[in-house]
Amino acid sequence: MVIILVYVDDIILTGPNAAQVASKKKLFMDKWECCDLGECKEFLCMRIDYQGGKTYLDQVPYLEKILKHFGMADAKAAQTPLPTGYKPEPFYGTATAALRSQYQSVIGSLLYLMLGTHFNLAFTVTQMAKFTHNPSEEHLLKTRHILCYLAGTCKYTLVYDGRSDAGLYTYCDSSYGDDRSDADHRH
């Protein structure tokens, strides 16, 4: 088995049998103009490290760049992605073009992190992304809270230990225990 991961013009070939991977890589490189960069150390702003049979993934440099870009490099860490009990509500005013642009930029960066290595942001970011067409100042303030949370978890790394035959399991209470009553679910 050879796994080929392609995203536009970034490609990874991998698999359990190095000879098979090398053979497929050669066929691919004979057909397409490309260069072999060796062992994969970075892919789509994710750093990849291999130590002792484990694979480590993080987006630390990208996250630090985002925090700096949004003026949050020295932010005080927040314990949760959003304040406990916060439920975003639609804004019925009209957002300025500048506010909308800034909000969309933050949300876009957060979505990229969420899809890469910060799965724990899935609930929070998708809830806040609902307001990209007409955000309020409060919505922007709450995205800054998410950035404060990321400032405190910036160095977190995903660790995959390939020795288990149990497969990959992941669990995350991405709403951080924000269990709502049945009445809340109906609205």
N, C-alpha and C. Protein backbone atom coordinates (compact mmCIF):
# COMPACT_ATOMS: atom_id res chain seq x y z
N MET A 1 0.84 -1.17 0.00
CA MET A 1 0.00 0.00 0.00
C MET A 1 0.89 1.24 0.00
N VAL A 2 0.56 2.19 -0.87
CA VAL A 2 1.23 3.48 -0.90
C VAL A 2 0.15 4.55 -0.80
N ILE A 3 0.32 5.45 0.13
CA ILE A 3 -0.63 6.54 0.33
C ILE A 3 -0.05 7.79 -0.34
N ILE A 4 -0.86 8.41 -1.19
CA ILE A 4 -0.45 9.63 -1.86
C ILE A 4 -1.39 10.74 -1.42
N LEU A 5 -0.83 11.73 -0.77
CA LEU A 5 -1.60 12.87 -0.28
C LEU A 5 -1.25 14.07 -1.15
N VAL A 6 -2.27 14.63 -1.80
CA VAL A 6 -2.04 15.74 -2.72
C VAL A 6 -2.90 16.93 -2.31
N TYR A 7 -2.28 18.10 -2.21
CA TYR A 7 -2.99 19.35 -2.01
C TYR A 7 -2.39 20.36 -2.99
N VAL A 8 -3.08 20.62 -4.06
CA VAL A 8 -2.66 21.49 -5.15
C VAL A 8 -1.33 20.99 -5.72
N ASP A 9 -0.20 21.61 -5.32
CA ASP A 9 1.09 21.16 -5.85
C ASP A 9 2.01 20.65 -4.74
N ASP A 10 1.45 20.38 -3.59
CA ASP A 10 2.20 19.76 -2.49
C ASP A 10 1.78 18.30 -2.39
N ILE A 11 2.77 17.40 -2.39
CA ILE A 11 2.47 15.97 -2.45
C ILE A 11 3.34 15.22 -1.45
N ILE A 12 2.71 14.27 -0.77
CA ILE A 12 3.43 13.35 0.11
C ILE A 12 3.13 11.94 -0.36
N LEU A 13 4.15 11.12 -0.49
CA LEU A 13 3.99 9.69 -0.75
C LEU A 13 4.53 8.96 0.47
N THR A 14 3.74 8.05 1.01
CA THR A 14 4.16 7.32 2.20
C THR A 14 3.53 5.94 2.22
N GLY A 15 4.00 5.12 3.08
CA GLY A 15 3.45 3.78 3.25
C GLY A 15 4.38 2.92 4.08
N PRO A 16 3.91 1.74 4.46
CA PRO A 16 4.71 0.87 5.33
C PRO A 16 5.90 0.22 4.63
N ASN A 17 5.87 0.15 3.31
CA ASN A 17 6.95 -0.51 2.58
C ASN A 17 7.76 0.53 1.82
N ALA A 18 8.96 0.83 2.31
CA ALA A 18 9.80 1.88 1.72
C ALA A 18 10.12 1.62 0.25
N ALA A 19 10.32 0.35 -0.12
CA ALA A 19 10.64 0.02 -1.52
C ALA A 19 9.46 0.35 -2.43
N GLN A 20 8.25 0.02 -1.98
CA GLN A 20 7.06 0.34 -2.78
C GLN A 20 6.89 1.85 -2.92
N VAL A 21 7.10 2.57 -1.85
CA VAL A 21 6.98 4.02 -1.88
C VAL A 21 8.00 4.60 -2.86
N ALA A 22 9.25 4.12 -2.78
CA ALA A 22 10.30 4.60 -3.69
C ALA A 22 9.95 4.31 -5.14
N SER A 23 9.39 3.13 -5.41
CA SER A 23 9.00 2.76 -6.76
C SER A 23 7.91 3.68 -7.30
N LYS A 24 6.89 3.93 -6.50
CA LYS A 24 5.80 4.82 -6.92
C LYS A 24 6.29 6.25 -7.07
N LYS A 25 7.19 6.66 -6.18
CA LYS A 25 7.75 8.00 -6.27
C LYS A 25 8.52 8.17 -7.57
N LYS A 26 9.30 7.16 -7.96
CA LYS A 26 10.06 7.22 -9.21
C LYS A 26 9.12 7.31 -10.40
N LEU A 27 8.06 6.49 -10.43
CA LEU A 27 7.08 6.56 -11.51
C LEU A 27 6.45 7.95 -11.60
N PHE A 28 6.11 8.50 -10.46
CA PHE A 28 5.50 9.82 -10.40
C PHE A 28 6.47 10.88 -10.93
N MET A 29 7.72 10.82 -10.48
CA MET A 29 8.70 11.82 -10.86
C MET A 29 9.11 11.69 -12.33
N ASP A 30 9.03 10.48 -12.88
CA ASP A 30 9.31 10.31 -14.31
C ASP A 30 8.22 10.95 -15.17
N LYS A 31 7.02 11.00 -14.64
CA LYS A 31 5.86 11.52 -15.38
C LYS A 31 5.69 13.03 -15.20
N TRP A 32 5.94 13.53 -14.00
CA TRP A 32 5.68 14.93 -13.66
C TRP A 32 6.97 15.65 -13.26
N GLU A 33 7.06 16.91 -13.62
CA GLU A 33 8.21 17.71 -13.22
C GLU A 33 8.06 18.07 -11.75
N CYS A 34 8.94 17.57 -10.94
CA CYS A 34 8.91 17.84 -9.51
C CYS A 34 10.26 17.53 -8.90
N CYS A 35 10.43 17.86 -7.65
CA CYS A 35 11.68 17.53 -6.97
C CYS A 35 11.38 16.83 -5.65
N ASP A 36 12.25 15.92 -5.31
CA ASP A 36 12.14 15.14 -4.07
C ASP A 36 12.83 15.92 -2.97
N LEU A 37 12.07 16.33 -1.97
CA LEU A 37 12.62 17.11 -0.87
C LEU A 37 13.05 16.23 0.30
N GLY A 38 13.01 14.91 0.09
CA GLY A 38 13.42 13.99 1.15
C GLY A 38 12.32 13.76 2.16
N GLU A 39 12.73 13.40 3.36
CA GLU A 39 11.76 13.14 4.42
C GLU A 39 10.94 14.39 4.70
N CYS A 40 9.64 14.21 4.82
CA CYS A 40 8.72 15.33 5.00
C CYS A 40 8.90 15.94 6.40
N LYS A 41 9.24 17.23 6.40
CA LYS A 41 9.42 17.96 7.66
C LYS A 41 8.34 19.02 7.86
N GLU A 42 7.67 19.40 6.75
CA GLU A 42 6.60 20.39 6.83
C GLU A 42 5.64 20.16 5.69
N PHE A 43 4.35 20.33 5.98
CA PHE A 43 3.32 20.18 4.96
C PHE A 43 2.17 21.10 5.32
N LEU A 44 1.86 22.03 4.43
CA LEU A 44 0.74 22.96 4.62
C LEU A 44 0.79 23.68 5.97
N CYS A 45 1.94 24.23 6.29
CA CYS A 45 2.20 24.97 7.54
C CYS A 45 2.16 24.08 8.79
N MET A 46 2.22 22.78 8.61
CA MET A 46 2.31 21.86 9.75
C MET A 46 3.74 21.33 9.81
N ARG A 47 4.36 21.47 10.96
CA ARG A 47 5.68 20.87 11.16
C ARG A 47 5.49 19.40 11.48
N ILE A 48 6.38 18.60 10.94
CA ILE A 48 6.31 17.15 11.15
C ILE A 48 7.66 16.70 11.67
N ASP A 49 7.64 15.98 12.76
CA ASP A 49 8.87 15.47 13.35
C ASP A 49 8.66 14.00 13.69
N TYR A 50 9.72 13.22 13.57
CA TYR A 50 9.66 11.78 13.84
C TYR A 50 10.69 11.48 14.92
N GLN A 51 10.23 10.87 16.01
CA GLN A 51 11.14 10.51 17.11
C GLN A 51 10.66 9.22 17.76
N GLY A 52 11.52 8.25 17.82
CA GLY A 52 11.21 7.01 18.54
C GLY A 52 9.95 6.32 18.07
N GLY A 53 9.70 6.27 16.77
CA GLY A 53 8.52 5.61 16.25
C GLY A 53 7.25 6.41 16.35
N LYS A 54 7.36 7.64 16.80
CA LYS A 54 6.19 8.52 16.92
C LYS A 54 6.29 9.66 15.92
N THR A 55 5.14 10.16 15.51
CA THR A 55 5.08 11.30 14.61
C THR A 55 4.45 12.47 15.37
N TYR A 56 5.10 13.61 15.30
CA TYR A 56 4.65 14.81 16.00
C TYR A 56 4.24 15.85 14.97
N LEU A 57 3.05 16.41 15.14
CA LEU A 57 2.53 17.46 14.25
C LEU A 57 2.21 18.70 15.07
N ASP A 58 2.62 19.84 14.56
CA ASP A 58 2.21 21.09 15.19
C ASP A 58 2.19 22.20 14.14
N GLN A 59 1.63 23.32 14.50
CA GLN A 59 1.61 24.50 13.66
C GLN A 59 2.16 25.71 14.41
N VAL A 60 3.14 25.47 15.27
CA VAL A 60 3.66 26.52 16.13
C VAL A 60 4.13 27.75 15.34
N PRO A 61 4.99 27.62 14.32
CA PRO A 61 5.42 28.84 13.61
C PRO A 61 4.26 29.60 12.97
N TYR A 62 3.31 28.87 12.38
CA TYR A 62 2.15 29.51 11.77
C TYR A 62 1.31 30.22 12.82
N LEU A 63 1.09 29.57 13.94
CA LEU A 63 0.29 30.15 15.02
C LEU A 63 0.97 31.39 15.59
N GLU A 64 2.28 31.32 15.78
CA GLU A 64 3.01 32.49 16.28
C GLU A 64 2.90 33.66 15.29
N LYS A 65 2.94 33.36 14.01
CA LYS A 65 2.79 34.38 12.97
C LYS A 65 1.40 35.02 13.03
N ILE A 66 0.37 34.20 13.24
CA ILE A 66 -1.00 34.71 13.35
C ILE A 66 -1.13 35.60 14.58
N LEU A 67 -0.64 35.13 15.71
CA LEU A 67 -0.74 35.92 16.94
C LEU A 67 -0.04 37.27 16.77
N LYS A 68 1.13 37.26 16.14
CA LYS A 68 1.86 38.51 15.90
C LYS A 68 1.06 39.41 14.94
N HIS A 69 0.55 38.84 13.87
CA HIS A 69 -0.20 39.60 12.86
C HIS A 69 -1.40 40.32 13.47
N PHE A 70 -2.09 39.66 14.41
CA PHE A 70 -3.27 40.26 15.02
C PHE A 70 -2.96 40.98 16.33
N GLY A 71 -1.67 41.22 16.60
CA GLY A 71 -1.27 41.97 17.79
C GLY A 71 -1.51 41.24 19.09
N MET A 72 -1.44 39.90 19.05
CA MET A 72 -1.74 39.09 20.22
C MET A 72 -0.55 38.24 20.67
N ALA A 73 0.64 38.57 20.21
CA ALA A 73 1.83 37.76 20.53
C ALA A 73 2.09 37.68 22.03
N ASP A 74 1.76 38.73 22.76
CA ASP A 74 1.99 38.75 24.21
C ASP A 74 0.69 38.66 25.00
N ALA A 75 -0.33 38.10 24.38
CA ALA A 75 -1.65 38.02 25.01
C ALA A 75 -1.62 37.11 26.24
N LYS A 76 -2.43 37.48 27.23
CA LYS A 76 -2.60 36.64 28.41
C LYS A 76 -3.44 35.43 28.01
N ALA A 77 -3.01 34.25 28.39
CA ALA A 77 -3.70 33.01 28.01
C ALA A 77 -5.09 32.91 28.62
N ALA A 78 -6.03 32.44 27.80
CA ALA A 78 -7.39 32.15 28.26
C ALA A 78 -7.50 30.64 28.47
N GLN A 79 -8.31 30.21 29.41
CA GLN A 79 -8.45 28.78 29.73
C GLN A 79 -9.31 28.02 28.74
N THR A 80 -10.26 28.70 28.10
CA THR A 80 -11.16 28.07 27.14
C THR A 80 -11.23 28.94 25.89
N PRO A 81 -11.59 28.36 24.75
CA PRO A 81 -11.65 29.15 23.52
C PRO A 81 -12.64 30.32 23.57
N LEU A 82 -13.75 30.15 24.27
CA LEU A 82 -14.71 31.24 24.47
C LEU A 82 -15.06 31.29 25.95
N PRO A 83 -15.49 32.44 26.44
CA PRO A 83 -15.89 32.51 27.84
C PRO A 83 -17.02 31.52 28.14
N THR A 84 -17.00 30.93 29.31
CA THR A 84 -18.02 29.98 29.72
C THR A 84 -19.40 30.60 29.61
N GLY A 85 -20.30 29.87 28.95
CA GLY A 85 -21.68 30.32 28.82
C GLY A 85 -21.94 31.27 27.67
N TYR A 86 -20.91 31.71 26.97
CA TYR A 86 -21.12 32.64 25.85
C TYR A 86 -21.80 31.94 24.70
N LYS A 87 -22.87 32.52 24.23
CA LYS A 87 -23.60 32.01 23.07
C LYS A 87 -23.71 33.16 22.07
N PRO A 88 -22.99 33.07 20.96
CA PRO A 88 -23.02 34.19 20.01
C PRO A 88 -24.40 34.39 19.40
N GLU A 89 -24.76 35.64 19.26
CA GLU A 89 -26.05 36.01 18.69
C GLU A 89 -25.81 36.83 17.43
N PRO A 90 -26.73 36.77 16.49
CA PRO A 90 -26.58 37.58 15.27
C PRO A 90 -26.55 39.07 15.59
N PHE A 91 -25.86 39.81 14.74
CA PHE A 91 -25.79 41.26 14.84
C PHE A 91 -26.80 41.84 13.85
N TYR A 92 -27.70 42.69 14.34
CA TYR A 92 -28.77 43.22 13.48
C TYR A 92 -28.45 44.61 12.96
N GLY A 93 -27.29 45.13 13.34
CA GLY A 93 -26.84 46.38 12.75
C GLY A 93 -26.13 46.08 11.44
N THR A 94 -25.32 47.02 11.01
CA THR A 94 -24.56 46.81 9.78
C THR A 94 -23.07 46.97 10.09
N ALA A 95 -22.31 45.93 9.85
CA ALA A 95 -20.87 45.96 10.09
C ALA A 95 -20.18 46.84 9.07
N THR A 96 -19.16 47.54 9.50
CA THR A 96 -18.37 48.33 8.55
C THR A 96 -17.54 47.37 7.70
N ALA A 97 -17.11 47.85 6.57
CA ALA A 97 -16.27 47.03 5.68
C ALA A 97 -14.97 46.65 6.39
N ALA A 98 -14.40 47.57 7.16
CA ALA A 98 -13.15 47.31 7.87
C ALA A 98 -13.34 46.22 8.92
N LEU A 99 -14.43 46.30 9.68
CA LEU A 99 -14.71 45.29 10.71
C LEU A 99 -14.93 43.93 10.06
N ARG A 100 -15.71 43.91 9.00
CA ARG A 100 -15.99 42.64 8.30
C ARG A 100 -14.69 42.02 7.77
N SER A 101 -13.83 42.84 7.19
CA SER A 101 -12.57 42.35 6.64
C SER A 101 -11.67 41.78 7.74
N GLN A 102 -11.56 42.52 8.84
CA GLN A 102 -10.72 42.05 9.95
C GLN A 102 -11.28 40.75 10.54
N TYR A 103 -12.57 40.70 10.74
CA TYR A 103 -13.22 39.51 11.30
C TYR A 103 -13.01 38.30 10.39
N GLN A 104 -13.21 38.49 9.10
CA GLN A 104 -13.04 37.40 8.15
C GLN A 104 -11.60 36.92 8.12
N SER A 105 -10.66 37.83 8.27
CA SER A 105 -9.25 37.45 8.30
C SER A 105 -8.93 36.58 9.52
N VAL A 106 -9.44 36.99 10.68
CA VAL A 106 -9.21 36.18 11.90
C VAL A 106 -9.87 34.81 11.75
N ILE A 107 -11.12 34.78 11.31
CA ILE A 107 -11.84 33.51 11.17
C ILE A 107 -11.14 32.60 10.17
N GLY A 108 -10.67 33.15 9.05
CA GLY A 108 -9.96 32.35 8.06
C GLY A 108 -8.71 31.71 8.65
N SER A 109 -7.96 32.47 9.43
CA SER A 109 -6.75 31.93 10.08
C SER A 109 -7.12 30.84 11.08
N LEU A 110 -8.18 31.08 11.84
CA LEU A 110 -8.62 30.08 12.83
C LEU A 110 -9.12 28.81 12.16
N LEU A 111 -9.82 28.95 11.05
CA LEU A 111 -10.29 27.76 10.31
C LEU A 111 -9.11 26.93 9.82
N TYR A 112 -8.07 27.59 9.35
CA TYR A 112 -6.89 26.87 8.87
C TYR A 112 -6.23 26.10 10.01
N LEU A 113 -6.11 26.73 11.17
CA LEU A 113 -5.55 26.04 12.34
C LEU A 113 -6.43 24.86 12.76
N MET A 114 -7.74 25.08 12.75
CA MET A 114 -8.69 24.05 13.16
C MET A 114 -8.58 22.83 12.26
N LEU A 115 -8.45 23.04 10.97
CA LEU A 115 -8.36 21.93 10.03
C LEU A 115 -7.01 21.24 10.08
N GLY A 116 -5.99 21.94 10.52
CA GLY A 116 -4.65 21.36 10.58
C GLY A 116 -4.40 20.56 11.83
N THR A 117 -4.25 21.23 12.96
CA THR A 117 -3.86 20.54 14.19
C THR A 117 -4.68 20.92 15.41
N HIS A 118 -5.53 21.90 15.30
CA HIS A 118 -6.29 22.36 16.46
C HIS A 118 -7.77 21.98 16.34
N PHE A 119 -8.01 20.67 16.35
CA PHE A 119 -9.37 20.15 16.21
C PHE A 119 -10.27 20.60 17.36
N ASN A 120 -9.66 20.90 18.49
CA ASN A 120 -10.42 21.34 19.65
C ASN A 120 -11.11 22.69 19.42
N LEU A 121 -10.79 23.36 18.34
CA LEU A 121 -11.44 24.63 18.01
C LEU A 121 -12.65 24.46 17.11
N ALA A 122 -12.95 23.25 16.70
CA ALA A 122 -13.98 23.01 15.69
C ALA A 122 -15.32 23.64 16.07
N PHE A 123 -15.81 23.36 17.24
CA PHE A 123 -17.11 23.90 17.64
C PHE A 123 -17.07 25.42 17.72
N THR A 124 -16.08 25.94 18.41
CA THR A 124 -15.97 27.38 18.63
C THR A 124 -15.85 28.15 17.33
N VAL A 125 -14.93 27.73 16.48
CA VAL A 125 -14.68 28.48 15.25
C VAL A 125 -15.87 28.40 14.29
N THR A 126 -16.48 27.23 14.18
CA THR A 126 -17.63 27.14 13.28
C THR A 126 -18.81 27.95 13.80
N GLN A 127 -18.94 28.05 15.12
CA GLN A 127 -20.00 28.91 15.68
C GLN A 127 -19.74 30.37 15.34
N MET A 128 -18.50 30.81 15.49
CA MET A 128 -18.16 32.21 15.23
C MET A 128 -18.13 32.51 13.72
N ALA A 129 -17.84 31.51 12.90
CA ALA A 129 -17.78 31.71 11.45
C ALA A 129 -19.16 32.02 10.86
N LYS A 130 -20.21 31.71 11.58
CA LYS A 130 -21.57 31.99 11.10
C LYS A 130 -21.81 33.49 10.91
N PHE A 131 -20.96 34.31 11.49
CA PHE A 131 -21.19 35.75 11.49
C PHE A 131 -20.24 36.52 10.58
N THR A 132 -19.55 35.82 9.69
CA THR A 132 -18.57 36.50 8.84
C THR A 132 -19.20 37.51 7.89
N HIS A 133 -20.46 37.33 7.54
CA HIS A 133 -21.12 38.27 6.62
C HIS A 133 -21.50 39.58 7.31
N ASN A 134 -21.71 39.54 8.64
CA ASN A 134 -22.12 40.75 9.36
C ASN A 134 -21.73 40.65 10.84
N PRO A 135 -20.43 40.75 11.12
CA PRO A 135 -19.99 40.62 12.51
C PRO A 135 -20.17 41.91 13.30
N SER A 136 -20.28 41.75 14.60
CA SER A 136 -20.34 42.91 15.49
C SER A 136 -18.97 43.07 16.15
N GLU A 137 -18.80 44.19 16.85
CA GLU A 137 -17.56 44.39 17.62
C GLU A 137 -17.41 43.29 18.67
N GLU A 138 -18.54 42.86 19.24
CA GLU A 138 -18.51 41.77 20.24
C GLU A 138 -17.98 40.48 19.61
N HIS A 139 -18.43 40.18 18.40
CA HIS A 139 -17.93 38.98 17.71
C HIS A 139 -16.42 39.06 17.53
N LEU A 140 -15.94 40.22 17.11
CA LEU A 140 -14.49 40.40 16.93
C LEU A 140 -13.77 40.24 18.26
N LEU A 141 -14.34 40.80 19.31
CA LEU A 141 -13.74 40.68 20.65
C LEU A 141 -13.63 39.20 21.05
N LYS A 142 -14.65 38.42 20.73
CA LYS A 142 -14.62 37.00 21.10
C LYS A 142 -13.60 36.21 20.26
N THR A 143 -13.38 36.63 19.01
CA THR A 143 -12.32 35.95 18.24
C THR A 143 -10.96 36.28 18.85
N ARG A 144 -10.83 37.44 19.42
CA ARG A 144 -9.58 37.78 20.11
C ARG A 144 -9.43 36.91 21.37
N HIS A 145 -10.54 36.57 22.00
CA HIS A 145 -10.51 35.64 23.13
C HIS A 145 -9.98 34.28 22.67
N ILE A 146 -10.43 33.84 21.49
CA ILE A 146 -9.94 32.57 20.93
C ILE A 146 -8.43 32.65 20.72
N LEU A 147 -7.95 33.80 20.24
CA LEU A 147 -6.51 33.98 20.05
C LEU A 147 -5.78 33.94 21.39
N CYS A 148 -6.41 34.46 22.45
CA CYS A 148 -5.80 34.36 23.79
C CYS A 148 -5.69 32.91 24.22
N TYR A 149 -6.72 32.13 23.94
CA TYR A 149 -6.66 30.69 24.23
C TYR A 149 -5.51 30.05 23.47
N LEU A 150 -5.37 30.40 22.20
CA LEU A 150 -4.29 29.83 21.39
C LEU A 150 -2.91 30.29 21.87
N ALA A 151 -2.83 31.49 22.41
CA ALA A 151 -1.56 31.96 22.96
C ALA A 151 -1.10 31.05 24.10
N GLY A 152 -2.05 30.53 24.85
CA GLY A 152 -1.73 29.64 25.96
C GLY A 152 -1.50 28.19 25.55
N THR A 153 -1.94 27.82 24.36
CA THR A 153 -1.80 26.43 23.89
C THR A 153 -0.93 26.35 22.64
N CYS A 154 -0.22 27.41 22.38
CA CYS A 154 0.56 27.55 21.15
C CYS A 154 1.53 26.39 20.91
N LYS A 155 2.12 25.89 21.95
CA LYS A 155 3.15 24.85 21.81
C LYS A 155 2.58 23.43 21.83
N TYR A 156 1.27 23.29 21.88
CA TYR A 156 0.66 21.96 21.89
C TYR A 156 0.99 21.22 20.60
N THR A 157 1.21 19.93 20.73
CA THR A 157 1.61 19.08 19.61
C THR A 157 0.74 17.84 19.57
N LEU A 158 0.34 17.43 18.38
CA LEU A 158 -0.33 16.15 18.21
C LEU A 158 0.73 15.06 18.11
N VAL A 159 0.53 13.97 18.85
CA VAL A 159 1.49 12.88 18.84
C VAL A 159 0.78 11.61 18.38
N TYR A 160 1.29 11.02 17.32
CA TYR A 160 0.74 9.77 16.80
C TYR A 160 1.75 8.67 17.05
N ASP A 161 1.31 7.66 17.77
CA ASP A 161 2.16 6.51 18.07
C ASP A 161 1.69 5.36 17.19
N GLY A 162 2.41 5.10 16.12
CA GLY A 162 2.01 4.11 15.13
C GLY A 162 2.17 2.67 15.56
N ARG A 163 2.53 2.41 16.80
CA ARG A 163 2.73 1.03 17.25
C ARG A 163 1.43 0.31 17.58
N SER A 164 0.36 1.04 17.78
CA SER A 164 -0.90 0.41 18.16
C SER A 164 -1.64 -0.07 16.91
N ASP A 165 -2.23 -1.25 16.99
CA ASP A 165 -3.04 -1.73 15.87
C ASP A 165 -4.52 -1.40 16.09
N ALA A 166 -4.79 -0.60 17.10
CA ALA A 166 -6.18 -0.26 17.43
C ALA A 166 -6.74 0.82 16.51
N GLY A 167 -5.90 1.44 15.73
CA GLY A 167 -6.38 2.51 14.86
C GLY A 167 -6.25 3.85 15.54
N LEU A 168 -6.80 4.86 14.92
CA LEU A 168 -6.72 6.22 15.44
C LEU A 168 -8.06 6.60 16.05
N TYR A 169 -8.03 6.98 17.30
CA TYR A 169 -9.22 7.43 17.99
C TYR A 169 -8.94 8.81 18.55
N THR A 170 -9.89 9.68 18.45
CA THR A 170 -9.73 11.00 19.04
C THR A 170 -11.05 11.41 19.68
N TYR A 171 -10.96 12.05 20.81
CA TYR A 171 -12.14 12.50 21.54
C TYR A 171 -11.92 13.96 21.91
N CYS A 172 -12.95 14.74 21.75
CA CYS A 172 -12.83 16.14 22.13
C CYS A 172 -14.21 16.69 22.44
N ASP A 173 -14.35 17.28 23.59
CA ASP A 173 -15.58 17.98 23.93
C ASP A 173 -15.38 19.41 23.44
N SER A 174 -15.55 19.60 22.14
CA SER A 174 -15.18 20.87 21.53
C SER A 174 -16.05 22.04 21.95
N SER A 175 -17.18 21.77 22.59
CA SER A 175 -18.00 22.86 23.11
C SER A 175 -17.64 23.12 24.57
N TYR A 176 -16.65 22.40 25.10
CA TYR A 176 -16.19 22.54 26.47
C TYR A 176 -17.32 22.45 27.49
N GLY A 177 -18.15 21.43 27.30
CA GLY A 177 -19.19 21.14 28.28
C GLY A 177 -20.36 22.09 28.24
N ASP A 178 -20.53 22.78 27.15
CA ASP A 178 -21.63 23.72 27.03
C ASP A 178 -22.92 22.98 26.72
N ASP A 179 -23.31 22.09 27.63
CA ASP A 179 -24.53 21.32 27.44
C ASP A 179 -25.73 22.22 27.64
N ARG A 180 -26.61 22.22 26.66
CA ARG A 180 -27.80 23.07 26.72
C ARG A 180 -29.01 22.21 27.03
N SER A 181 -30.01 22.84 27.56
CA SER A 181 -31.25 22.10 27.85
C SER A 181 -31.93 21.78 26.54
N ASP A 182 -32.92 20.87 26.59
CA ASP A 182 -33.68 20.50 25.38
C ASP A 182 -34.34 21.72 24.76
N ALA A 183 -34.78 22.67 25.57
CA ALA A 183 -35.42 23.88 25.05
C ALA A 183 -34.45 24.66 24.18
N ASP A 184 -33.16 24.71 24.59
CA ASP A 184 -32.15 25.42 23.81
C ASP A 184 -31.91 24.76 22.47
N HIS A 185 -31.99 23.44 22.40
CA HIS A 185 -31.74 22.71 21.16
C HIS A 185 -32.83 22.91 20.11
N ARG A 186 -34.02 23.27 20.57
CA ARG A 186 -35.13 23.42 19.62
C ARG A 186 -35.08 24.75 18.88
N HIS A 187 -34.30 25.68 19.34
CA HIS A 187 -34.29 27.02 18.72
C HIS A 187 -33.21 27.12 17.68
